[in-house]
Amino acid sequence: MSKFRKLSTQVAASPQITAEDVATAAREGFSMIINNRPDGEEDGQPSSTEIGAAAQAHGLAYRYIPVTSSGMTPERIAETVAALEEAGGRTLAYCRSGTRSTFLWALAEASRGASPQELIEAADAAGYNISMIAGVLTDLSNKARQ
């Protein structure tokens, strides 16, 4: 069973992936992988270089957008928006548990005018609680709609 959790028709989140998971993502029709996990966060985790090479070997686009202690910065949100717009198909985003990737996806989508409630519900259906950022999602969505 895949550990990829559907957030939308185009985006899924996942806990840490391996090179083998990249092959699974390719078979499942993903076209891009976004890595939100900083290198060296935990001993033994695959590096961004390793996952990037596996993505390239399977014909997938790859973006390294690490979320560090500086958090979900406007720059990281903008990078995620750009990556999602460039993906040209389904995108798999991952970090240690998938939570940071889900938060960043929701912030990126809200900044493009998506419904905060729908984002919260989609994340919840995937097993991620992002309700604590409802206010930020609403602010971003309202700003995008102006």
C-alpha atoms as a PDB file:
ATOM      1  CA  MET A   1       0.000   0.000   0.000  1.00  0.00           C
ATOM      2  CA  SER A   2       1.299   3.434  -0.929  1.00  0.00           C
ATOM      3  CA  LYS A   3       2.144   5.902   1.803  1.00  0.00           C
ATOM      4  CA  PHE A   4       1.249   8.740  -0.587  1.00  0.00           C
ATOM      5  CA  ARG A   5      -1.728  10.650   0.811  1.00  0.00           C
ATOM      6  CA  LYS A   6      -3.991  12.432  -1.654  1.00  0.00           C
ATOM      7  CA  LEU A   7      -4.467  16.153  -0.942  1.00  0.00           C
ATOM      8  CA  SER A   8      -6.053  16.983  -4.306  1.00  0.00           C
ATOM      9  CA  THR A   9      -6.352  15.458  -7.746  1.00  0.00           C
ATOM     10  CA  GLN A  10      -2.898  16.858  -8.512  1.00  0.00           C
ATOM     11  CA  VAL A  11      -0.998  16.726  -5.206  1.00  0.00           C
ATOM     12  CA  ALA A  12      -0.154  14.091  -2.615  1.00  0.00           C
ATOM     13  CA  ALA A  13       1.923  14.297   0.557  1.00  0.00           C
ATOM     14  CA  SER A  14       4.110  11.618   2.053  1.00  0.00           C
ATOM     15  CA  PRO A  15       6.397  10.844   4.934  1.00  0.00           C
ATOM     16  CA  GLN A  16      10.088  10.452   4.016  1.00  0.00           C
ATOM     17  CA  ILE A  17      10.538   8.607   0.729  1.00  0.00           C
ATOM     18  CA  THR A  18      13.332   6.434  -0.610  1.00  0.00           C
ATOM     19  CA  ALA A  19      14.700   5.919  -4.101  1.00  0.00           C
ATOM     20  CA  GLU A  20      12.381   2.905  -4.359  1.00  0.00           C
ATOM     21  CA  ASP A  21       9.414   5.151  -3.538  1.00  0.00           C
ATOM     22  CA  VAL A  22      10.434   7.418  -6.414  1.00  0.00           C
ATOM     23  CA  ALA A  23       9.996   4.441  -8.759  1.00  0.00           C
ATOM     24  CA  THR A  24       6.553   3.856  -7.234  1.00  0.00           C
ATOM     25  CA  ALA A  25       5.657   7.519  -7.731  1.00  0.00           C
ATOM     26  CA  ALA A  26       6.648   7.285 -11.392  1.00  0.00           C
ATOM     27  CA  ARG A  27       4.523   4.156 -11.841  1.00  0.00           C
ATOM     28  CA  GLU A  28       1.590   5.902 -10.150  1.00  0.00           C
ATOM     29  CA  GLY A  29       1.771   8.771 -12.632  1.00  0.00           C
ATOM     30  CA  PHE A  30       3.450  11.533 -10.661  1.00  0.00           C
ATOM     31  CA  SER A  31       5.442  13.994 -12.746  1.00  0.00           C
ATOM     32  CA  MET A  32       7.204  15.970  -9.990  1.00  0.00           C
ATOM     33  CA  ILE A  33       8.598  15.405  -6.519  1.00  0.00           C
ATOM     34  CA  ILE A  34       8.975  18.253  -4.035  1.00  0.00           C
ATOM     35  CA  ASN A  35      11.336  17.616  -1.123  1.00  0.00           C
ATOM     36  CA  ASN A  36      10.471  19.766   1.903  1.00  0.00           C
ATOM     37  CA  ARG A  37      12.875  18.010   4.261  1.00  0.00           C
ATOM     38  CA  PRO A  38      16.248  19.618   4.974  1.00  0.00           C
ATOM     39  CA  ASP A  39      19.272  17.400   4.465  1.00  0.00           C
ATOM     40  CA  GLY A  40      20.749  16.045   7.678  1.00  0.00           C
ATOM     41  CA  GLU A  41      17.596  16.476   9.727  1.00  0.00           C
ATOM     42  CA  GLU A  42      17.897  12.881  10.910  1.00  0.00           C
ATOM     43  CA  ASP A  43      20.670  10.297  10.682  1.00  0.00           C
ATOM     44  CA  GLY A  44      20.197   7.912   7.791  1.00  0.00           C
ATOM     45  CA  GLN A  45      17.625   9.862   5.818  1.00  0.00           C
ATOM     46  CA  PRO A  46      18.149   9.859   2.045  1.00  0.00           C
ATOM     47  CA  SER A  47      19.776  13.091   0.871  1.00  0.00           C
ATOM     48  CA  SER A  48      18.174  15.571  -1.498  1.00  0.00           C
ATOM     49  CA  THR A  49      20.860  14.624  -4.028  1.00  0.00           C
ATOM     50  CA  GLU A  50      19.941  10.930  -3.796  1.00  0.00           C
ATOM     51  CA  ILE A  51      16.207  11.538  -4.219  1.00  0.00           C
ATOM     52  CA  GLY A  52      16.842  14.079  -6.975  1.00  0.00           C
ATOM     53  CA  ALA A  53      18.981  11.582  -8.886  1.00  0.00           C
ATOM     54  CA  ALA A  54      16.306   8.901  -8.510  1.00  0.00           C
ATOM     55  CA  ALA A  55      13.658  11.335  -9.750  1.00  0.00           C
ATOM     56  CA  GLN A  56      15.779  12.213 -12.778  1.00  0.00           C
ATOM     57  CA  ALA A  57      16.399   8.527 -13.505  1.00  0.00           C
ATOM     58  CA  HIS A  58      12.630   7.969 -13.583  1.00  0.00           C
ATOM     59  CA  GLY A  59      11.878  11.040 -15.682  1.00  0.00           C
ATOM     60  CA  LEU A  60      10.368  13.071 -12.852  1.00  0.00           C
ATOM     61  CA  ALA A  61      10.942  16.760 -12.203  1.00  0.00           C
ATOM     62  CA  TYR A  62      12.407  17.457  -8.761  1.00  0.00           C
ATOM     63  CA  ARG A  63      12.366  20.532  -6.520  1.00  0.00           C
ATOM     64  CA  TYR A  64      14.209  20.902  -3.222  1.00  0.00           C
ATOM     65  CA  ILE A  65      12.229  23.353  -1.072  1.00  0.00           C
ATOM     66  CA  PRO A  66      13.381  22.572   2.471  1.00  0.00           C
ATOM     67  CA  VAL A  67      11.381  23.875   5.405  1.00  0.00           C
ATOM     68  CA  THR A  68      13.831  24.610   8.212  1.00  0.00           C
ATOM     69  CA  SER A  69      13.460  26.286  11.583  1.00  0.00           C
ATOM     70  CA  SER A  70      12.697  29.511   9.698  1.00  0.00           C
ATOM     71  CA  GLY A  71       9.319  27.945   8.909  1.00  0.00           C
ATOM     72  CA  MET A  72       6.852  28.527   6.127  1.00  0.00           C
ATOM     73  CA  THR A  73       8.341  31.716   4.743  1.00  0.00           C
ATOM     74  CA  PRO A  74       6.781  33.737   1.934  1.00  0.00           C
ATOM     75  CA  GLU A  75       9.721  32.648  -0.217  1.00  0.00           C
ATOM     76  CA  ARG A  76       9.012  28.958   0.411  1.00  0.00           C
ATOM     77  CA  ILE A  77       5.323  29.497  -0.359  1.00  0.00           C
ATOM     78  CA  ALA A  78       6.216  31.282  -3.618  1.00  0.00           C
ATOM     79  CA  GLU A  79       8.652  28.504  -4.559  1.00  0.00           C
ATOM     80  CA  THR A  80       5.915  25.947  -3.962  1.00  0.00           C
ATOM     81  CA  VAL A  81       3.419  27.890  -6.074  1.00  0.00           C
ATOM     82  CA  ALA A  82       5.966  28.046  -8.894  1.00  0.00           C
ATOM     83  CA  ALA A  83       6.752  24.332  -8.632  1.00  0.00           C
ATOM     84  CA  LEU A  84       3.071  23.367  -8.672  1.00  0.00           C
ATOM     85  CA  GLU A  85       2.469  25.585 -11.693  1.00  0.00           C
ATOM     86  CA  GLU A  86       5.453  24.063 -13.514  1.00  0.00           C
ATOM     87  CA  ALA A  87       4.648  20.455 -12.598  1.00  0.00           C
ATOM     88  CA  GLY A  88       2.595  19.663 -15.657  1.00  0.00           C
ATOM     89  CA  GLY A  89       0.940  16.784 -13.820  1.00  0.00           C
ATOM     90  CA  ARG A  90       0.658  15.154 -10.436  1.00  0.00           C
ATOM     91  CA  THR A  91       3.067  16.199  -7.692  1.00  0.00           C
ATOM     92  CA  LEU A  92       4.300  14.286  -4.658  1.00  0.00           C
ATOM     93  CA  ALA A  93       5.595  16.433  -1.784  1.00  0.00           C
ATOM     94  CA  TYR A  94       7.352  14.907   1.209  1.00  0.00           C
ATOM     95  CA  CYS A  95       9.098  15.688   4.485  1.00  0.00           C
ATOM     96  CA  ARG A  96       9.640  13.624   7.649  1.00  0.00           C
ATOM     97  CA  SER A  97       5.941  12.935   8.249  1.00  0.00           C
ATOM     98  CA  GLY A  98       4.205  14.765   5.406  1.00  0.00           C
ATOM     99  CA  THR A  99       2.884  17.487   7.703  1.00  0.00           C
ATOM    100  CA  ARG A 100       5.186  20.317   6.588  1.00  0.00           C
ATOM    101  CA  SER A 101       4.494  19.398   2.975  1.00  0.00           C
ATOM    102  CA  THR A 102       0.752  19.549   3.631  1.00  0.00           C
ATOM    103  CA  PHE A 103       1.023  22.920   5.363  1.00  0.00           C
ATOM    104  CA  LEU A 104       3.120  24.339   2.531  1.00  0.00           C
ATOM    105  CA  TRP A 105       0.721  22.967  -0.114  1.00  0.00           C
ATOM    106  CA  ALA A 106      -2.249  24.549   1.677  1.00  0.00           C
ATOM    107  CA  LEU A 107      -0.485  27.895   2.044  1.00  0.00           C
ATOM    108  CA  ALA A 108       0.493  27.840  -1.634  1.00  0.00           C
ATOM    109  CA  GLU A 109      -3.046  26.979  -2.735  1.00  0.00           C
ATOM    110  CA  ALA A 110      -4.590  29.612  -0.466  1.00  0.00           C
ATOM    111  CA  SER A 111      -2.199  32.201  -1.908  1.00  0.00           C
ATOM    112  CA  ARG A 112      -3.741  31.325  -5.285  1.00  0.00           C
ATOM    113  CA  GLY A 113      -7.272  31.906  -3.949  1.00  0.00           C
ATOM    114  CA  ALA A 114      -8.324  28.377  -2.948  1.00  0.00           C
ATOM    115  CA  SER A 115     -11.024  27.947  -0.321  1.00  0.00           C
ATOM    116  CA  PRO A 116      -9.458  27.639   3.145  1.00  0.00           C
ATOM    117  CA  GLN A 117     -12.244  25.332   4.327  1.00  0.00           C
ATOM    118  CA  GLU A 118     -11.776  23.016   1.348  1.00  0.00           C
ATOM    119  CA  LEU A 119      -8.009  22.928   1.963  1.00  0.00           C
ATOM    120  CA  ILE A 120      -8.541  22.074   5.633  1.00  0.00           C
ATOM    121  CA  GLU A 121     -11.040  19.340   4.731  1.00  0.00           C
ATOM    122  CA  ALA A 122      -8.735  17.847   2.076  1.00  0.00           C
ATOM    123  CA  ALA A 123      -5.803  17.799   4.486  1.00  0.00           C
ATOM    124  CA  ASP A 124      -7.970  16.242   7.186  1.00  0.00           C
ATOM    125  CA  ALA A 125      -9.151  13.523   4.781  1.00  0.00           C
ATOM    126  CA  ALA A 126      -5.472  12.732   4.145  1.00  0.00           C
ATOM    127  CA  GLY A 127      -4.774  12.494   7.876  1.00  0.00           C
ATOM    128  CA  TYR A 128      -3.230  15.926   8.422  1.00  0.00           C
ATOM    129  CA  ASN A 129      -4.745  18.517  10.757  1.00  0.00           C
ATOM    130  CA  ILE A 130      -4.016  22.024   9.491  1.00  0.00           C
ATOM    131  CA  SER A 131      -6.980  23.755  11.163  1.00  0.00           C
ATOM    132  CA  MET A 132      -4.637  25.797  13.353  1.00  0.00           C
ATOM    133  CA  ILE A 133      -3.627  27.876  10.312  1.00  0.00           C
ATOM    134  CA  ALA A 134      -7.201  28.599   9.180  1.00  0.00           C
ATOM    135  CA  GLY A 135      -6.740  32.323   9.792  1.00  0.00           C
ATOM    136  CA  VAL A 136      -3.574  32.506   7.697  1.00  0.00           C
ATOM    137  CA  LEU A 137      -5.205  30.483   4.919  1.00  0.00           C
ATOM    138  CA  THR A 138      -8.175  32.863   4.957  1.00  0.00           C
ATOM    139  CA  ASP A 139      -5.931  35.929   4.829  1.00  0.00           C
ATOM    140  CA  LEU A 140      -3.917  34.525   1.908  1.00  0.00           C
ATOM    141  CA  SER A 141      -7.008  33.453   0.005  1.00  0.00           C
ATOM    142  CA  ASN A 142      -8.760  36.801   0.514  1.00  0.00           C
ATOM    143  CA  LYS A 143      -5.651  38.680  -0.620  1.00  0.00           C
ATOM    144  CA  ALA A 144      -5.407  36.525  -3.756  1.00  0.00           C
ATOM    145  CA  ARG A 145      -9.045  37.192  -4.614  1.00  0.00           C
ATOM    146  CA  GLN A 146      -8.731  40.994  -4.398  1.00  0.00           C
END
